[in-house]
C-alpha atoms as a PDB file:
ATOM      1  CA  UNK A   1      12.925   6.291  -2.348  1.00  0.00           C
ATOM      2  CA  UNK A   2      10.549   9.239  -2.762  1.00  0.00           C
ATOM      3  CA  UNK A   3       7.602   9.628  -0.484  1.00  0.00           C
ATOM      4  CA  UNK A   4       4.744  12.083   0.251  1.00  0.00           C
ATOM      5  CA  UNK A   5       1.707  12.199   2.440  1.00  0.00           C
ATOM      6  CA  UNK A   6       0.179   9.810   5.016  1.00  0.00           C
ATOM      7  CA  UNK A   7      -2.609   7.286   4.880  1.00  0.00           C
ATOM      8  CA  UNK A   8      -3.106   4.155   2.874  1.00  0.00           C
ATOM      9  CA  UNK A   9      -0.217   3.087   0.842  1.00  0.00           C
ATOM     10  CA  UNK A  10       0.023   4.003  -2.958  1.00  0.00           C
ATOM     11  CA  UNK A  11       3.121   2.274  -4.305  1.00  0.00           C
ATOM     12  CA  UNK A  12       4.419   3.653  -7.594  1.00  0.00           C
ATOM     13  CA  UNK A  13       6.886   1.676  -9.629  1.00  0.00           C
ATOM     14  CA  UNK A  14       8.945   3.098 -12.468  1.00  0.00           C
ATOM     15  CA  UNK A  15      10.276   1.404 -15.615  1.00  0.00           C
ATOM     16  CA  UNK A  16      13.147   1.658 -18.083  1.00  0.00           C
ATOM     17  CA  UNK A  17      14.954   3.972 -18.798  1.00  0.00           C
ATOM     18  CA  UNK A  18      13.636   5.972 -15.861  1.00  0.00           C
ATOM     19  CA  UNK A  19      13.847   6.516 -12.099  1.00  0.00           C
ATOM     20  CA  UNK A  20      11.442   7.227  -9.183  1.00  0.00           C
ATOM     21  CA  UNK A  21      11.493  10.808 -10.073  1.00  0.00           C
ATOM     22  CA  UNK A  22       9.092   9.896 -13.063  1.00  0.00           C
ATOM     23  CA  UNK A  23       6.369  10.143 -10.404  1.00  0.00           C
ATOM     24  CA  UNK A  24       7.201  13.734  -9.434  1.00  0.00           C
ATOM     25  CA  UNK A  25       3.757  14.976 -10.625  1.00  0.00           C
ATOM     26  CA  UNK A  26       1.746  12.147  -9.181  1.00  0.00           C
ATOM     27  CA  UNK A  27       3.149  11.797  -5.724  1.00  0.00           C
ATOM     28  CA  UNK A  28       1.905  15.194  -4.342  1.00  0.00           C
ATOM     29  CA  UNK A  29      -1.525  14.585  -5.947  1.00  0.00           C
ATOM     30  CA  UNK A  30      -1.853  11.256  -4.220  1.00  0.00           C
ATOM     31  CA  UNK A  31      -0.628  12.804  -1.002  1.00  0.00           C
ATOM     32  CA  UNK A  32      -3.277  15.608  -1.121  1.00  0.00           C
ATOM     33  CA  UNK A  33      -5.920  12.932  -1.586  1.00  0.00           C
ATOM     34  CA  UNK A  34      -4.912  11.115   1.652  1.00  0.00           C
ATOM     35  CA  UNK A  35      -2.453   8.493   0.510  1.00  0.00           C
ATOM     36  CA  UNK A  36       1.027   7.690   1.528  1.00  0.00           C
ATOM     37  CA  UNK A  37       2.545   7.887  -1.901  1.00  0.00           C
ATOM     38  CA  UNK A  38       5.898   6.112  -2.151  1.00  0.00           C
ATOM     39  CA  UNK A  39       8.188   5.577  -5.337  1.00  0.00           C
ATOM     40  CA  UNK A  40      11.123   3.379  -4.903  1.00  0.00           C
ATOM     41  CA  UNK A  41      14.172   3.336  -7.141  1.00  0.00           C
ATOM     42  CA  UNK A  42      13.708  -0.207  -8.738  1.00  0.00           C
ATOM     43  CA  UNK A  43      16.071  -3.004  -8.238  1.00  0.00           C
ATOM     44  CA  UNK A  44      19.629  -2.077  -9.367  1.00  0.00           C
ATOM     45  CA  UNK A  45      18.739   1.617 -10.134  1.00  0.00           C
ATOM     46  CA  UNK A  46      20.938   3.930  -8.166  1.00  0.00           C
ATOM     47  CA  UNK A  47      20.722   4.876  -5.327  1.00  0.00           C
ATOM     48  CA  UNK A  48      19.381   1.353  -4.832  1.00  0.00           C
ATOM     49  CA  UNK A  49      22.191  -1.060  -4.492  1.00  0.00           C
ATOM     50  CA  UNK A  50      22.885  -3.645  -7.171  1.00  0.00           C
ATOM     51  CA  UNK A  51      21.390  -6.851  -5.782  1.00  0.00           C
ATOM     52  CA  UNK A  52      23.832  -9.486  -4.634  1.00  0.00           C
ATOM     53  CA  UNK A  53      21.654 -12.380  -6.059  1.00  0.00           C
ATOM     54  CA  UNK A  54      21.840 -10.921  -9.605  1.00  0.00           C
ATOM     55  CA  UNK A  55      18.112 -11.669 -10.118  1.00  0.00           C
ATOM     56  CA  UNK A  56      16.348  -9.269 -12.332  1.00  0.00           C
ATOM     57  CA  UNK A  57      13.329 -11.283 -13.502  1.00  0.00           C
ATOM     58  CA  UNK A  58       9.638 -10.520 -12.955  1.00  0.00           C
ATOM     59  CA  UNK A  59       9.604 -12.819  -9.930  1.00  0.00           C
ATOM     60  CA  UNK A  60      12.289 -10.810  -8.151  1.00  0.00           C
ATOM     61  CA  UNK A  61      10.547  -7.494  -9.010  1.00  0.00           C
ATOM     62  CA  UNK A  62       7.279  -8.785  -7.742  1.00  0.00           C
ATOM     63  CA  UNK A  63       9.013 -10.123  -4.515  1.00  0.00           C
ATOM     64  CA  UNK A  64      10.540  -6.563  -3.992  1.00  0.00           C
ATOM     65  CA  UNK A  65       7.134  -4.967  -4.500  1.00  0.00           C
ATOM     66  CA  UNK A  66       5.516  -7.303  -1.861  1.00  0.00           C
ATOM     67  CA  UNK A  67       8.447  -6.713   0.612  1.00  0.00           C
ATOM     68  CA  UNK A  68       7.977  -2.932   0.176  1.00  0.00           C
ATOM     69  CA  UNK A  69       4.252  -3.520   0.990  1.00  0.00           C
ATOM     70  CA  UNK A  70       5.237  -5.048   4.260  1.00  0.00           C
ATOM     71  CA  UNK A  71       8.027  -2.568   5.204  1.00  0.00           C
ATOM     72  CA  UNK A  72       5.776   0.381   4.447  1.00  0.00           C
ATOM     73  CA  UNK A  73       2.823  -0.876   6.495  1.00  0.00           C
ATOM     74  CA  UNK A  74       0.475  -1.654   3.617  1.00  0.00           C
ATOM     75  CA  UNK A  75      -3.079  -2.635   4.467  1.00  0.00           C
ATOM     76  CA  UNK A  76      -6.186  -3.622   2.559  1.00  0.00           C
ATOM     77  CA  UNK A  77      -6.699  -0.086   1.223  1.00  0.00           C
ATOM     78  CA  UNK A  78      -3.186  -0.102  -0.486  1.00  0.00           C
ATOM     79  CA  UNK A  79      -3.057   0.525  -4.298  1.00  0.00           C
ATOM     80  CA  UNK A  80      -0.434  -0.381  -6.793  1.00  0.00           C
ATOM     81  CA  UNK A  81       0.678   1.782  -9.743  1.00  0.00           C
ATOM     82  CA  UNK A  82       3.333   0.867 -12.332  1.00  0.00           C
ATOM     83  CA  UNK A  83       4.710   2.081 -15.550  1.00  0.00           C
ATOM     84  CA  UNK A  84       6.681  -0.104 -18.132  1.00  0.00           C
ATOM     85  CA  UNK A  85       8.745  -2.584 -16.056  1.00  0.00           C
ATOM     86  CA  UNK A  86       6.808  -1.298 -13.114  1.00  0.00           C
ATOM     87  CA  UNK A  87       3.611  -2.283 -14.766  1.00  0.00           C
ATOM     88  CA  UNK A  88       5.177  -5.815 -15.323  1.00  0.00           C
ATOM     89  CA  UNK A  89       6.043  -5.934 -11.572  1.00  0.00           C
ATOM     90  CA  UNK A  90       2.514  -4.746 -10.660  1.00  0.00           C
ATOM     91  CA  UNK A  91       0.697  -7.429 -12.587  1.00  0.00           C
ATOM     92  CA  UNK A  92       2.743 -10.123 -11.015  1.00  0.00           C
ATOM     93  CA  UNK A  93       2.606  -8.749  -7.488  1.00  0.00           C
ATOM     94  CA  UNK A  94      -1.180  -8.181  -7.779  1.00  0.00           C
ATOM     95  CA  UNK A  95      -1.627 -11.773  -8.890  1.00  0.00           C
ATOM     96  CA  UNK A  96       0.795 -13.212  -6.306  1.00  0.00           C
ATOM     97  CA  UNK A  97      -0.787 -11.520  -3.287  1.00  0.00           C
ATOM     98  CA  UNK A  98      -4.321 -10.272  -4.353  1.00  0.00           C
ATOM     99  CA  UNK A  99      -5.399  -9.480  -0.793  1.00  0.00           C
ATOM    100  CA  UNK A 100      -2.825  -6.736  -0.409  1.00  0.00           C
ATOM    101  CA  UNK A 101      -3.923  -4.421  -3.160  1.00  0.00           C
ATOM    102  CA  UNK A 102      -7.385  -2.832  -3.477  1.00  0.00           C
ATOM    103  CA  UNK A 103      -6.947  -1.488  -6.949  1.00  0.00           C
ATOM    104  CA  UNK A 104      -4.218  -1.462  -9.636  1.00  0.00           C
ATOM    105  CA  UNK A 105      -3.051   1.060 -12.294  1.00  0.00           C
ATOM    106  CA  UNK A 106      -0.721   0.099 -15.064  1.00  0.00           C
ATOM    107  CA  UNK A 107       0.753   2.329 -17.926  1.00  0.00           C
ATOM    108  CA  UNK A 108       2.526   1.628 -21.104  1.00  0.00           C
ATOM    109  CA  UNK A 109       2.733  -2.154 -21.013  1.00  0.00           C
ATOM    110  CA  UNK A 110      -0.388  -4.226 -21.568  1.00  0.00           C
ATOM    111  CA  UNK A 111      -1.069  -7.560 -19.831  1.00  0.00           C
ATOM    112  CA  UNK A 112       0.880 -10.710 -20.941  1.00  0.00           C
ATOM    113  CA  UNK A 113      -2.120 -12.076 -22.757  1.00  0.00           C
ATOM    114  CA  UNK A 114      -1.254  -9.639 -25.619  1.00  0.00           C
ATOM    115  CA  UNK A 115       2.274 -11.012 -26.115  1.00  0.00           C
ATOM    116  CA  UNK A 116       1.320 -13.343 -29.012  1.00  0.00           C
ATOM    117  CA  UNK A 117      -0.194 -10.363 -30.901  1.00  0.00           C
ATOM    118  CA  UNK A 118       2.663  -8.139 -30.197  1.00  0.00           C
ATOM    119  CA  UNK A 119       5.248 -10.755 -31.370  1.00  0.00           C
ATOM    120  CA  UNK A 120       3.379 -11.545 -34.505  1.00  0.00           C
ATOM    121  CA  UNK A 121       3.269  -7.978 -35.838  1.00  0.00           C
ATOM    122  CA  UNK A 122       6.161  -6.925 -38.054  1.00  0.00           C
ATOM    123  CA  UNK A 123       6.056  -3.191 -37.169  1.00  0.00           C
ATOM    124  CA  UNK A 124       5.931  -3.971 -33.455  1.00  0.00           C
ATOM    125  CA  UNK A 125       8.884  -6.277 -33.814  1.00  0.00           C
ATOM    126  CA  UNK A 126      10.855  -3.262 -35.373  1.00  0.00           C
ATOM    127  CA  UNK A 127       9.906  -1.200 -32.267  1.00  0.00           C
ATOM    128  CA  UNK A 128      11.052  -4.069 -30.058  1.00  0.00           C
ATOM    129  CA  UNK A 129      14.672  -3.908 -31.540  1.00  0.00           C
ATOM    130  CA  UNK A 130      16.107  -2.936 -28.227  1.00  0.00           C
ATOM    131  CA  UNK A 131      14.744  -6.143 -26.555  1.00  0.00           C
ATOM    132  CA  UNK A 132      17.044  -8.275 -28.732  1.00  0.00           C
ATOM    133  CA  UNK A 133      19.972  -6.030 -28.395  1.00  0.00           C
ATOM    134  CA  UNK A 134      19.681  -6.058 -24.588  1.00  0.00           C
ATOM    135  CA  UNK A 135      19.493  -9.856 -24.434  1.00  0.00           C
ATOM    136  CA  UNK A 136      22.926 -10.218 -25.915  1.00  0.00           C
ATOM    137  CA  UNK A 137      24.886 -11.945 -23.198  1.00  0.00           C
ATOM    138  CA  UNK A 138      28.354 -10.524 -24.298  1.00  0.00           C
ATOM    139  CA  UNK A 139      28.020  -7.147 -22.625  1.00  0.00           C
ATOM    140  CA  UNK A 140      27.901  -5.392 -25.936  1.00  0.00           C
ATOM    141  CA  UNK A 141      24.512  -3.726 -24.955  1.00  0.00           C
ATOM    142  CA  UNK A 142      26.180  -1.791 -22.029  1.00  0.00           C
ATOM    143  CA  UNK A 143      28.711  -0.392 -24.451  1.00  0.00           C
ATOM    144  CA  UNK A 144      26.148   0.614 -26.950  1.00  0.00           C
ATOM    145  CA  UNK A 145      23.982   2.410 -24.400  1.00  0.00           C
ATOM    146  CA  UNK A 146      26.965   4.118 -22.623  1.00  0.00           C
ATOM    147  CA  UNK A 147      28.483   5.520 -25.771  1.00  0.00           C
ATOM    148  CA  UNK A 148      28.440   9.267 -26.425  1.00  0.00           C
ATOM    149  CA  UNK A 149      26.967  10.230 -23.120  1.00  0.00           C
ATOM    150  CA  UNK A 150      24.165   7.648 -23.327  1.00  0.00           C
ATOM    151  CA  UNK A 151      22.840   9.074 -26.528  1.00  0.00           C
ATOM    152  CA  UNK A 152      21.085   5.716 -27.041  1.00  0.00           C
ATOM    153  CA  UNK A 153      18.763   6.740 -24.263  1.00  0.00           C
ATOM    154  CA  UNK A 154      18.086  10.114 -25.857  1.00  0.00           C
ATOM    155  CA  UNK A 155      17.071   8.401 -29.071  1.00  0.00           C
ATOM    156  CA  UNK A 156      14.986   5.811 -27.222  1.00  0.00           C
ATOM    157  CA  UNK A 157      12.941   8.583 -25.389  1.00  0.00           C
ATOM    158  CA  UNK A 158      12.496  10.424 -28.687  1.00  0.00           C
ATOM    159  CA  UNK A 159      11.222   7.348 -30.378  1.00  0.00           C
ATOM    160  CA  UNK A 160       8.943   6.333 -27.470  1.00  0.00           C
ATOM    161  CA  UNK A 161       7.521   9.803 -26.863  1.00  0.00           C
ATOM    162  CA  UNK A 162       7.730  11.849 -30.024  1.00  0.00           C
ATOM    163  CA  UNK A 163       7.975  15.506 -29.491  1.00  0.00           C
ATOM    164  CA  UNK A 164       8.448  15.362 -25.843  1.00  0.00           C
ATOM    165  CA  UNK A 165      11.735  16.802 -24.291  1.00  0.00           C
ATOM    166  CA  UNK A 166      12.602  15.232 -20.990  1.00  0.00           C
ATOM    167  CA  UNK A 167      15.433  17.744 -20.247  1.00  0.00           C
ATOM    168  CA  UNK A 168      16.746  17.436 -16.728  1.00  0.00           C
ATOM    169  CA  UNK A 169      14.636  14.338 -16.082  1.00  0.00           C
ATOM    170  CA  UNK A 170      16.563  12.249 -18.557  1.00  0.00           C
ATOM    171  CA  UNK A 171      19.871  13.704 -17.144  1.00  0.00           C
ATOM    172  CA  UNK A 172      18.858  12.205 -13.738  1.00  0.00           C
ATOM    173  CA  UNK A 173      18.077   8.857 -15.402  1.00  0.00           C
ATOM    174  CA  UNK A 174      21.533   8.780 -16.787  1.00  0.00           C
ATOM    175  CA  UNK A 175      22.993   9.508 -13.351  1.00  0.00           C
ATOM    176  CA  UNK A 176      21.072   6.532 -11.976  1.00  0.00           C
ATOM    177  CA  UNK A 177      22.548   4.186 -14.599  1.00  0.00           C
ATOM    178  CA  UNK A 178      26.359   4.446 -14.273  1.00  0.00           C
ATOM    179  CA  UNK A 179      28.089   1.964 -14.724  1.00  0.00           C
ATOM    180  CA  UNK A 180      27.049  -1.172 -12.764  1.00  0.00           C
ATOM    181  CA  UNK A 181      23.567   0.063 -12.458  1.00  0.00           C
ATOM    182  CA  UNK A 182      23.305   0.114 -16.249  1.00  0.00           C
ATOM    183  CA  UNK A 183      24.305  -3.529 -16.338  1.00  0.00           C
ATOM    184  CA  UNK A 184      21.548  -4.052 -13.722  1.00  0.00           C
ATOM    185  CA  UNK A 185      18.907  -2.341 -15.804  1.00  0.00           C
ATOM    186  CA  UNK A 186      19.799  -4.238 -18.880  1.00  0.00           C
ATOM    187  CA  UNK A 187      19.793  -7.368 -16.761  1.00  0.00           C
ATOM    188  CA  UNK A 188      15.939  -7.067 -16.621  1.00  0.00           C
ATOM    189  CA  UNK A 189      15.956  -7.960 -20.262  1.00  0.00           C
ATOM    190  CA  UNK A 190      18.572 -10.658 -20.090  1.00  0.00           C
ATOM    191  CA  UNK A 191      16.524 -12.366 -17.446  1.00  0.00           C
ATOM    192  CA  UNK A 192      13.798 -12.854 -20.012  1.00  0.00           C
ATOM    193  CA  UNK A 193      16.291 -13.924 -22.813  1.00  0.00           C
ATOM    194  CA  UNK A 194      15.070 -16.795 -24.868  1.00  0.00           C
ATOM    195  CA  UNK A 195      11.509 -16.759 -23.520  1.00  0.00           C
ATOM    196  CA  UNK A 196       9.943 -15.132 -26.624  1.00  0.00           C
ATOM    197  CA  UNK A 197       8.022 -12.539 -24.497  1.00  0.00           C
ATOM    198  CA  UNK A 198       8.340  -8.935 -23.723  1.00  0.00           C
ATOM    199  CA  UNK A 199       9.643  -9.713 -20.221  1.00  0.00           C
ATOM    200  CA  UNK A 200       7.107 -12.175 -18.863  1.00  0.00           C
ATOM    201  CA  UNK A 201       7.880 -15.746 -17.622  1.00  0.00           C
ATOM    202  CA  UNK A 202      11.494 -14.798 -16.841  1.00  0.00           C
ATOM    203  CA  UNK A 203      14.386 -16.972 -15.736  1.00  0.00           C
ATOM    204  CA  UNK A 204      15.042 -15.957 -12.227  1.00  0.00           C
ATOM    205  CA  UNK A 205      16.559 -17.535  -9.012  1.00  0.00           C
ATOM    206  CA  UNK A 206      14.557 -20.275  -7.502  1.00  0.00           C
ATOM    207  CA  UNK A 207      13.764 -18.296  -4.362  1.00  0.00           C
ATOM    208  CA  UNK A 208      11.385 -16.324  -6.618  1.00  0.00           C
ATOM    209  CA  UNK A 209       9.503 -19.371  -8.034  1.00  0.00           C
ATOM    210  CA  UNK A 210       6.264 -18.509  -6.601  1.00  0.00           C
ATOM    211  CA  UNK A 211       6.406 -14.975  -7.828  1.00  0.00           C
ATOM    212  CA  UNK A 212       7.515 -16.183 -11.312  1.00  0.00           C
ATOM    213  CA  UNK A 213       4.503 -18.538 -11.447  1.00  0.00           C
ATOM    214  CA  UNK A 214       2.257 -15.411 -10.785  1.00  0.00           C
ATOM    215  CA  UNK A 215       3.703 -13.586 -13.777  1.00  0.00           C
ATOM    216  CA  UNK A 216       1.285 -13.664 -16.639  1.00  0.00           C
ATOM    217  CA  UNK A 217      -1.613 -14.852 -14.355  1.00  0.00           C
ATOM    218  CA  UNK A 218      -4.616 -12.518 -14.263  1.00  0.00           C
ATOM    219  CA  UNK A 219      -4.881 -10.540 -11.078  1.00  0.00           C
ATOM    220  CA  UNK A 220      -8.429 -10.186  -9.552  1.00  0.00           C
ATOM    221  CA  UNK A 221      -8.306  -6.531  -8.795  1.00  0.00           C
ATOM    222  CA  UNK A 222      -9.983  -3.946 -11.041  1.00  0.00           C
ATOM    223  CA  UNK A 223      -7.164  -2.525 -13.054  1.00  0.00           C
ATOM    224  CA  UNK A 224      -6.933   0.858 -14.961  1.00  0.00           C
ATOM    225  CA  UNK A 225      -4.698   0.558 -18.011  1.00  0.00           C
ATOM    226  CA  UNK A 226      -3.431   3.760 -19.628  1.00  0.00           C
ATOM    227  CA  UNK A 227      -1.655   3.858 -23.022  1.00  0.00           C
ATOM    228  CA  UNK A 228      -0.539   6.889 -25.028  1.00  0.00           C
ATOM    229  CA  UNK A 229      -1.992   7.266 -28.479  1.00  0.00           C
ATOM    230  CA  UNK A 230       1.519   8.122 -29.938  1.00  0.00           C
ATOM    231  CA  UNK A 231       3.478   5.482 -27.976  1.00  0.00           C
ATOM    232  CA  UNK A 232       6.479   4.497 -29.918  1.00  0.00           C
ATOM    233  CA  UNK A 233       7.385   1.479 -27.769  1.00  0.00           C
ATOM    234  CA  UNK A 234       4.150  -0.392 -28.129  1.00  0.00           C
ATOM    235  CA  UNK A 235       1.718   0.638 -30.754  1.00  0.00           C
ATOM    236  CA  UNK A 236      -1.744   1.765 -29.399  1.00  0.00           C
ATOM    237  CA  UNK A 237      -3.399  -0.149 -32.326  1.00  0.00           C
ATOM    238  CA  UNK A 238      -2.142  -3.473 -30.818  1.00  0.00           C
ATOM    239  CA  UNK A 239      -2.899  -2.418 -27.226  1.00  0.00           C
ATOM    240  CA  UNK A 240      -6.473  -1.487 -27.755  1.00  0.00           C
ATOM    241  CA  UNK A 241      -8.766  -3.931 -25.936  1.00  0.00           C
ATOM    242  CA  UNK A 242      -6.279  -4.728 -23.225  1.00  0.00           C
ATOM    243  CA  UNK A 243      -9.020  -4.352 -20.602  1.00  0.00           C
ATOM    244  CA  UNK A 244     -10.626  -7.741 -21.795  1.00  0.00           C
ATOM    245  CA  UNK A 245      -7.469  -9.544 -20.552  1.00  0.00           C
ATOM    246  CA  UNK A 246      -7.631  -7.916 -17.059  1.00  0.00           C
ATOM    247  CA  UNK A 247     -10.013  -8.637 -14.180  1.00  0.00           C
ATOM    248  CA  UNK A 248     -13.807  -7.813 -14.524  1.00  0.00           C
ATOM    249  CA  UNK A 249     -14.646  -4.044 -14.183  1.00  0.00           C
ATOM    250  CA  UNK A 250     -11.185  -3.058 -15.458  1.00  0.00           C
ATOM    251  CA  UNK A 251     -10.722  -0.282 -17.884  1.00  0.00           C
ATOM    252  CA  UNK A 252      -8.452   0.981 -20.691  1.00  0.00           C
ATOM    253  CA  UNK A 253      -8.031   4.614 -21.398  1.00  0.00           C
ATOM    254  CA  UNK A 254      -5.981   6.019 -24.423  1.00  0.00           C
ATOM    255  CA  UNK A 255      -4.308   9.390 -23.674  1.00  0.00           C
ATOM    256  CA  UNK A 256      -4.366  11.488 -26.866  1.00  0.00           C
ATOM    257  CA  UNK A 257      -1.193  13.291 -28.056  1.00  0.00           C
ATOM    258  CA  UNK A 258       0.978  11.299 -25.572  1.00  0.00           C
ATOM    259  CA  UNK A 259       3.663   8.758 -26.043  1.00  0.00           C
ATOM    260  CA  UNK A 260       5.182   6.012 -23.758  1.00  0.00           C
ATOM    261  CA  UNK A 261       5.935   8.485 -20.980  1.00  0.00           C
ATOM    262  CA  UNK A 262       2.372   9.672 -20.842  1.00  0.00           C
ATOM    263  CA  UNK A 263       2.420  10.414 -17.099  1.00  0.00           C
ATOM    264  CA  UNK A 264       5.118  13.066 -17.713  1.00  0.00           C
ATOM    265  CA  UNK A 265       3.691  14.349 -20.976  1.00  0.00           C
ATOM    266  CA  UNK A 266       0.173  14.827 -19.842  1.00  0.00           C
ATOM    267  CA  UNK A 267       0.379  14.814 -16.015  1.00  0.00           C
ATOM    268  CA  UNK A 268      -2.885  16.551 -15.264  1.00  0.00           C
ATOM    269  CA  UNK A 269      -4.937  14.251 -17.476  1.00  0.00           C
ATOM    270  CA  UNK A 270      -3.203  11.038 -16.386  1.00  0.00           C
ATOM    271  CA  UNK A 271      -3.197  12.066 -12.733  1.00  0.00           C
ATOM    272  CA  UNK A 272      -6.958  12.732 -12.918  1.00  0.00           C
ATOM    273  CA  UNK A 273      -7.615   9.244 -14.373  1.00  0.00           C
ATOM    274  CA  UNK A 274      -5.441   7.558 -11.727  1.00  0.00           C
ATOM    275  CA  UNK A 275      -6.896   9.482  -8.758  1.00  0.00           C
ATOM    276  CA  UNK A 276     -10.463   8.841  -9.801  1.00  0.00           C
ATOM    277  CA  UNK A 277      -9.636   5.104 -10.169  1.00  0.00           C
ATOM    278  CA  UNK A 278      -7.844   4.632  -6.880  1.00  0.00           C
ATOM    279  CA  UNK A 279     -10.251   6.835  -4.766  1.00  0.00           C
ATOM    280  CA  UNK A 280     -13.154   5.079  -3.058  1.00  0.00           C
ATOM    281  CA  UNK A 281     -15.703   6.937  -0.913  1.00  0.00           C
ATOM    282  CA  UNK A 282     -15.362   6.141   2.644  1.00  0.00           C
ATOM    283  CA  UNK A 283     -11.897   4.755   2.452  1.00  0.00           C
ATOM    284  CA  UNK A 284      -9.924   8.117   1.962  1.00  0.00           C
ATOM    285  CA  UNK A 285     -10.734  11.763   1.578  1.00  0.00           C
ATOM    286  CA  UNK A 286     -12.901  12.446  -1.383  1.00  0.00           C
ATOM    287  CA  UNK A 287     -11.489  14.119  -4.602  1.00  0.00           C
ATOM    288  CA  UNK A 288     -13.792  17.116  -3.879  1.00  0.00           C
ATOM    289  CA  UNK A 289     -11.869  17.933  -0.760  1.00  0.00           C
ATOM    290  CA  UNK A 290      -8.858  19.329  -2.633  1.00  0.00           C
ATOM    291  CA  UNK A 291      -8.229  21.655  -5.518  1.00  0.00           C
END
């Protein structure tokens, strides 16, 4: 778990294939603005242990998010930020316990209401090839991803964020996904196998039933949704208008010249949008107090 600063909780959740280090640019910015910024390694990603219950659906991720809120002393000023699978977890956790999060920010994965559109578009289905590979129950996906020094992940990052070179960051991702942890990360997709969604309404253990029910339900918090104009994972042309599926006063912003990992590609611009959204006069130090 990475952390910086003190004050109201700002919980930052990463996606696939990624780690908590994805927030290395955002955490210090949030800390300077008066937040306690925390980025956990998500369920099954080293150094987090592989969960004994083997549950990787949205319900389990949302339950983890809410447990972290409690463990980290969250209060009514807490905010929730998630990218990719972290966005999925954020939607569900915000809907499951709306009183715990003042504002929400999601990146790269739009709300569940867009799933019918995403899965009716031929070009998008081609982008989603990895979903169907990862849902294979025979363990072939692990072998495919692990081959040639996890070259699969290099290609995925190149497809999703064209022209961006992750360098050492992707090396750290690969270190976090060996070998049981890789099966855990792919388990997120297997938990959704057969549902016909991008990861919503998953099949998880019964102890997460209430969190499962929250997945796909509209959360009441104002939500900022950020999407890269060059996102090779989910086409921006399909994501436009996502704010209409979020709570009133929500907003969508398209980041030009950025792909799926927009917060790493355009950190200054993305951080400014996030900080403006989660800052409220009177609750934390104002943006003008820091350079």
